[in-house]
C-alpha cells in the first residue's frame, strides 16, 4: 500500500510563525536550535544549529475530545517548505517510535498502538492502514510521546 507522510498544514504553521497562538492559547516560544533533536513538523527536517525555532503546544486534531492529545512540537521560526511524501521523513532518526491508528472520528483505534523500530515504520503503518476502521496513523516519539508526523493512504 502506498503511504503518504503528511506534515503540519502550511496555513496553520504560517499563522504560528506570524505570532498566532498555539493549542494552549499562548504565543509560541522563540529559541535557538542547538541542531540536536529539533525536528520541524512542517518541513520535516531537523532545524539547523543556530537557527531560530518555535516551541509550542500543538493538537493535531480538528476538535476537542478525550483523544485529541496536545503536546510540544518544534517549527522553523522562518517560513519553510512543507515536507512530506512517500519517503520516510528525515526527522525520524531515532531507533524507535510509537505508532497509533485513528478512526475517521479522530479517536484511537484500540489494538493499533505499538512501539516499533525505525526500519519497520513503513511496514507497520501500512498494516494499520490496511484495517478498515483506521483512517490515519500518528507517529510519535517513543520516549517523550511528542507528535512527529501523520501517515495517510496515498
C-alpha atoms as a PDB file:
ATOM      1  CA  UNK A   1       0.000   0.000   0.000  1.00  0.00           C
ATOM      2  CA  UNK A   2       1.409   3.420  -0.927  1.00  0.00           C
ATOM      3  CA  UNK A   3       1.760   5.710   2.093  1.00  0.00           C
ATOM      4  CA  UNK A   4       1.988   9.473   2.433  1.00  0.00           C
ATOM      5  CA  UNK A   5       3.771  11.181   5.314  1.00  0.00           C
ATOM      6  CA  UNK A   6       1.756  14.332   6.000  1.00  0.00           C
ATOM      7  CA  UNK A   7       3.390  17.374   7.622  1.00  0.00           C
ATOM      8  CA  UNK A   8       1.505  20.041   9.555  1.00  0.00           C
ATOM      9  CA  UNK A   9      -0.679  22.210   7.312  1.00  0.00           C
ATOM     10  CA  UNK A  10       1.072  25.271   5.890  1.00  0.00           C
ATOM     11  CA  UNK A  11      -1.728  27.703   6.756  1.00  0.00           C
ATOM     12  CA  UNK A  12      -1.631  26.686  10.438  1.00  0.00           C
ATOM     13  CA  UNK A  13       2.182  26.880  10.508  1.00  0.00           C
ATOM     14  CA  UNK A  14       2.278  30.308   8.846  1.00  0.00           C
ATOM     15  CA  UNK A  15      -0.184  31.606  11.461  1.00  0.00           C
ATOM     16  CA  UNK A  16       2.090  30.328  14.242  1.00  0.00           C
ATOM     17  CA  UNK A  17       5.199  31.755  12.562  1.00  0.00           C
ATOM     18  CA  UNK A  18       3.396  35.118  12.406  1.00  0.00           C
ATOM     19  CA  UNK A  19       2.797  35.073  16.183  1.00  0.00           C
ATOM     20  CA  UNK A  20      -0.517  33.221  16.313  1.00  0.00           C
ATOM     21  CA  UNK A  21      -1.493  31.359  19.449  1.00  0.00           C
ATOM     22  CA  UNK A  22      -0.772  27.675  19.989  1.00  0.00           C
ATOM     23  CA  UNK A  23      -3.159  24.966  21.211  1.00  0.00           C
ATOM     24  CA  UNK A  24      -2.799  26.289  24.773  1.00  0.00           C
ATOM     25  CA  UNK A  25      -3.660  29.843  23.737  1.00  0.00           C
ATOM     26  CA  UNK A  26      -0.061  31.003  24.168  1.00  0.00           C
ATOM     27  CA  UNK A  27       2.352  32.705  21.803  1.00  0.00           C
ATOM     28  CA  UNK A  28       4.975  30.157  20.675  1.00  0.00           C
ATOM     29  CA  UNK A  29       8.329  30.453  22.441  1.00  0.00           C
ATOM     30  CA  UNK A  30      11.269  31.510  20.304  1.00  0.00           C
ATOM     31  CA  UNK A  31      14.507  29.640  20.887  1.00  0.00           C
ATOM     32  CA  UNK A  32      17.747  28.959  19.040  1.00  0.00           C
ATOM     33  CA  UNK A  33      18.231  25.405  17.814  1.00  0.00           C
ATOM     34  CA  UNK A  34      21.285  23.552  19.037  1.00  0.00           C
ATOM     35  CA  UNK A  35      20.980  21.311  15.966  1.00  0.00           C
ATOM     36  CA  UNK A  36      20.237  18.230  18.063  1.00  0.00           C
ATOM     37  CA  UNK A  37      16.734  16.799  18.228  1.00  0.00           C
ATOM     38  CA  UNK A  38      14.805  19.818  16.974  1.00  0.00           C
ATOM     39  CA  UNK A  39      12.662  18.390  14.161  1.00  0.00           C
ATOM     40  CA  UNK A  40      10.397  20.850  12.332  1.00  0.00           C
ATOM     41  CA  UNK A  41       6.962  19.292  11.881  1.00  0.00           C
ATOM     42  CA  UNK A  42       6.344  21.343   8.732  1.00  0.00           C
ATOM     43  CA  UNK A  43       9.433  20.891   6.531  1.00  0.00           C
ATOM     44  CA  UNK A  44      10.143  17.526   8.223  1.00  0.00           C
ATOM     45  CA  UNK A  45      13.834  18.418   8.505  1.00  0.00           C
ATOM     46  CA  UNK A  46      15.954  18.993  11.600  1.00  0.00           C
ATOM     47  CA  UNK A  47      16.242  22.691  12.423  1.00  0.00           C
ATOM     48  CA  UNK A  48      19.936  23.581  11.937  1.00  0.00           C
ATOM     49  CA  UNK A  49      22.126  24.702  14.829  1.00  0.00           C
ATOM     50  CA  UNK A  50      21.923  28.460  15.296  1.00  0.00           C
ATOM     51  CA  UNK A  51      18.573  28.823  13.520  1.00  0.00           C
ATOM     52  CA  UNK A  52      15.638  30.354  15.322  1.00  0.00           C
ATOM     53  CA  UNK A  53      12.808  27.940  16.089  1.00  0.00           C
ATOM     54  CA  UNK A  54       9.387  27.959  17.663  1.00  0.00           C
ATOM     55  CA  UNK A  55       8.445  25.715  20.582  1.00  0.00           C
ATOM     56  CA  UNK A  56       4.705  25.386  21.037  1.00  0.00           C
ATOM     57  CA  UNK A  57       1.783  23.222  22.050  1.00  0.00           C
ATOM     58  CA  UNK A  58       0.121  21.548  19.062  1.00  0.00           C
ATOM     59  CA  UNK A  59      -3.045  19.486  18.820  1.00  0.00           C
ATOM     60  CA  UNK A  60      -3.159  17.546  15.520  1.00  0.00           C
ATOM     61  CA  UNK A  61      -6.933  17.110  15.699  1.00  0.00           C
ATOM     62  CA  UNK A  62      -9.792  19.293  14.473  1.00  0.00           C
ATOM     63  CA  UNK A  63     -11.935  19.119  17.597  1.00  0.00           C
ATOM     64  CA  UNK A  64     -11.613  18.780  21.341  1.00  0.00           C
ATOM     65  CA  UNK A  65     -12.454  15.326  22.671  1.00  0.00           C
ATOM     66  CA  UNK A  66     -10.759  12.873  25.045  1.00  0.00           C
ATOM     67  CA  UNK A  67      -8.383  11.513  22.373  1.00  0.00           C
ATOM     68  CA  UNK A  68      -7.248  14.860  20.946  1.00  0.00           C
ATOM     69  CA  UNK A  69      -3.829  14.936  22.563  1.00  0.00           C
ATOM     70  CA  UNK A  70      -1.857  18.153  22.786  1.00  0.00           C
ATOM     71  CA  UNK A  71       1.898  18.242  23.116  1.00  0.00           C
ATOM     72  CA  UNK A  72       5.068  20.151  22.369  1.00  0.00           C
ATOM     73  CA  UNK A  73       6.467  20.461  18.849  1.00  0.00           C
ATOM     74  CA  UNK A  74       9.185  22.464  17.112  1.00  0.00           C
ATOM     75  CA  UNK A  75       8.793  24.545  13.962  1.00  0.00           C
ATOM     76  CA  UNK A  76      11.232  26.609  11.941  1.00  0.00           C
ATOM     77  CA  UNK A  77      10.687  30.238  13.011  1.00  0.00           C
ATOM     78  CA  UNK A  78      11.058  31.390   9.405  1.00  0.00           C
ATOM     79  CA  UNK A  79       8.808  30.111   6.611  1.00  0.00           C
ATOM     80  CA  UNK A  80       9.919  26.725   5.309  1.00  0.00           C
ATOM     81  CA  UNK A  81       8.619  24.498   2.533  1.00  0.00           C
ATOM     82  CA  UNK A  82       6.155  21.813   3.566  1.00  0.00           C
ATOM     83  CA  UNK A  83       7.704  18.369   3.575  1.00  0.00           C
ATOM     84  CA  UNK A  84       6.053  15.023   3.091  1.00  0.00           C
ATOM     85  CA  UNK A  85       5.639  12.320   0.524  1.00  0.00           C
ATOM     86  CA  UNK A  86       6.195   8.602   0.386  1.00  0.00           C
ATOM     87  CA  UNK A  87       9.755   8.509   1.760  1.00  0.00           C
ATOM     88  CA  UNK A  88      10.456   8.214   5.469  1.00  0.00           C
ATOM     89  CA  UNK A  89      10.982  11.812   6.694  1.00  0.00           C
ATOM     90  CA  UNK A  90      14.472  12.864   7.764  1.00  0.00           C
ATOM     91  CA  UNK A  91      13.168  13.832  11.222  1.00  0.00           C
ATOM     92  CA  UNK A  92      12.545  10.155  12.017  1.00  0.00           C
ATOM     93  CA  UNK A  93      16.095   9.340  13.031  1.00  0.00           C
ATOM     94  CA  UNK A  94      15.649   7.721  16.459  1.00  0.00           C
ATOM     95  CA  UNK A  95      15.752   3.959  16.907  1.00  0.00           C
ATOM     96  CA  UNK A  96      12.095   3.544  17.907  1.00  0.00           C
ATOM     97  CA  UNK A  97       8.768   5.333  17.544  1.00  0.00           C
ATOM     98  CA  UNK A  98       5.237   4.936  18.804  1.00  0.00           C
ATOM     99  CA  UNK A  99       2.598   4.297  16.130  1.00  0.00           C
ATOM    100  CA  UNK A 100      -1.143   4.607  16.705  1.00  0.00           C
ATOM    101  CA  UNK A 101      -4.090   4.199  14.370  1.00  0.00           C
ATOM    102  CA  UNK A 102      -7.045   6.598  14.499  1.00  0.00           C
ATOM    103  CA  UNK A 103     -10.546   6.325  13.089  1.00  0.00           C
ATOM    104  CA  UNK A 104     -12.305   8.894  10.928  1.00  0.00           C
ATOM    105  CA  UNK A 105     -13.707  10.294  14.201  1.00  0.00           C
ATOM    106  CA  UNK A 106     -10.127  11.176  15.347  1.00  0.00           C
ATOM    107  CA  UNK A 107     -10.270   8.598  18.140  1.00  0.00           C
ATOM    108  CA  UNK A 108      -7.644   5.948  18.839  1.00  0.00           C
ATOM    109  CA  UNK A 109      -8.458   2.560  17.360  1.00  0.00           C
ATOM    110  CA  UNK A 110      -7.618   0.245  20.239  1.00  0.00           C
ATOM    111  CA  UNK A 111      -5.136  -2.504  19.450  1.00  0.00           C
ATOM    112  CA  UNK A 112      -3.214  -0.385  16.908  1.00  0.00           C
ATOM    113  CA  UNK A 113      -0.667   1.175  19.249  1.00  0.00           C
ATOM    114  CA  UNK A 114       2.881  -0.140  19.353  1.00  0.00           C
ATOM    115  CA  UNK A 115       6.488   0.925  19.729  1.00  0.00           C
ATOM    116  CA  UNK A 116       8.303  -0.046  16.545  1.00  0.00           C
ATOM    117  CA  UNK A 117      11.852   0.102  15.230  1.00  0.00           C
ATOM    118  CA  UNK A 118      12.580   2.871  12.735  1.00  0.00           C
ATOM    119  CA  UNK A 119      13.211   0.367   9.928  1.00  0.00           C
ATOM    120  CA  UNK A 120       9.712  -1.096  10.496  1.00  0.00           C
ATOM    121  CA  UNK A 121       7.753   2.179  10.399  1.00  0.00           C
ATOM    122  CA  UNK A 122       6.562   1.899   6.798  1.00  0.00           C
ATOM    123  CA  UNK A 123       5.534  -1.758   7.119  1.00  0.00           C
ATOM    124  CA  UNK A 124       3.833  -1.230  10.486  1.00  0.00           C
ATOM    125  CA  UNK A 125       1.988   1.902   9.347  1.00  0.00           C
ATOM    126  CA  UNK A 126       0.770   0.025   6.249  1.00  0.00           C
ATOM    127  CA  UNK A 127      -0.520  -2.836   8.413  1.00  0.00           C
ATOM    128  CA  UNK A 128      -2.581  -0.397  10.462  1.00  0.00           C
ATOM    129  CA  UNK A 129      -3.880   1.444   7.400  1.00  0.00           C
ATOM    130  CA  UNK A 130      -4.994  -1.906   5.940  1.00  0.00           C
ATOM    131  CA  UNK A 131      -7.565  -2.078   8.739  1.00  0.00           C
ATOM    132  CA  UNK A 132     -10.935  -0.741   7.546  1.00  0.00           C
ATOM    133  CA  UNK A 133     -11.550   1.250  10.738  1.00  0.00           C
ATOM    134  CA  UNK A 134      -8.189   3.077  10.641  1.00  0.00           C
ATOM    135  CA  UNK A 135      -8.276   6.391   8.750  1.00  0.00           C
ATOM    136  CA  UNK A 136      -4.727   7.573   9.560  1.00  0.00           C
ATOM    137  CA  UNK A 137      -1.718   6.820  11.754  1.00  0.00           C
ATOM    138  CA  UNK A 138       0.263   9.111  14.027  1.00  0.00           C
ATOM    139  CA  UNK A 139       3.951   8.625  14.603  1.00  0.00           C
ATOM    140  CA  UNK A 140       5.115   9.897  17.965  1.00  0.00           C
ATOM    141  CA  UNK A 141       8.356   9.871  19.875  1.00  0.00           C
ATOM    142  CA  UNK A 142       8.654   6.588  21.783  1.00  0.00           C
ATOM    143  CA  UNK A 143      10.363   8.320  24.703  1.00  0.00           C
ATOM    144  CA  UNK A 144       8.533  11.623  25.054  1.00  0.00           C
ATOM    145  CA  UNK A 145       5.357  10.877  23.030  1.00  0.00           C
ATOM    146  CA  UNK A 146       5.717  14.122  21.033  1.00  0.00           C
ATOM    147  CA  UNK A 147       3.783  14.128  17.752  1.00  0.00           C
ATOM    148  CA  UNK A 148       6.132  13.697  14.782  1.00  0.00           C
ATOM    149  CA  UNK A 149       4.117  13.176  11.597  1.00  0.00           C
ATOM    150  CA  UNK A 150       0.830  11.793  10.290  1.00  0.00           C
ATOM    151  CA  UNK A 151       0.661   8.870   7.862  1.00  0.00           C
ATOM    152  CA  UNK A 152      -2.161   8.590   5.337  1.00  0.00           C
ATOM    153  CA  UNK A 153      -3.007   6.304   2.451  1.00  0.00           C
ATOM    154  CA  UNK A 154      -1.657   7.766  -0.770  1.00  0.00           C
END
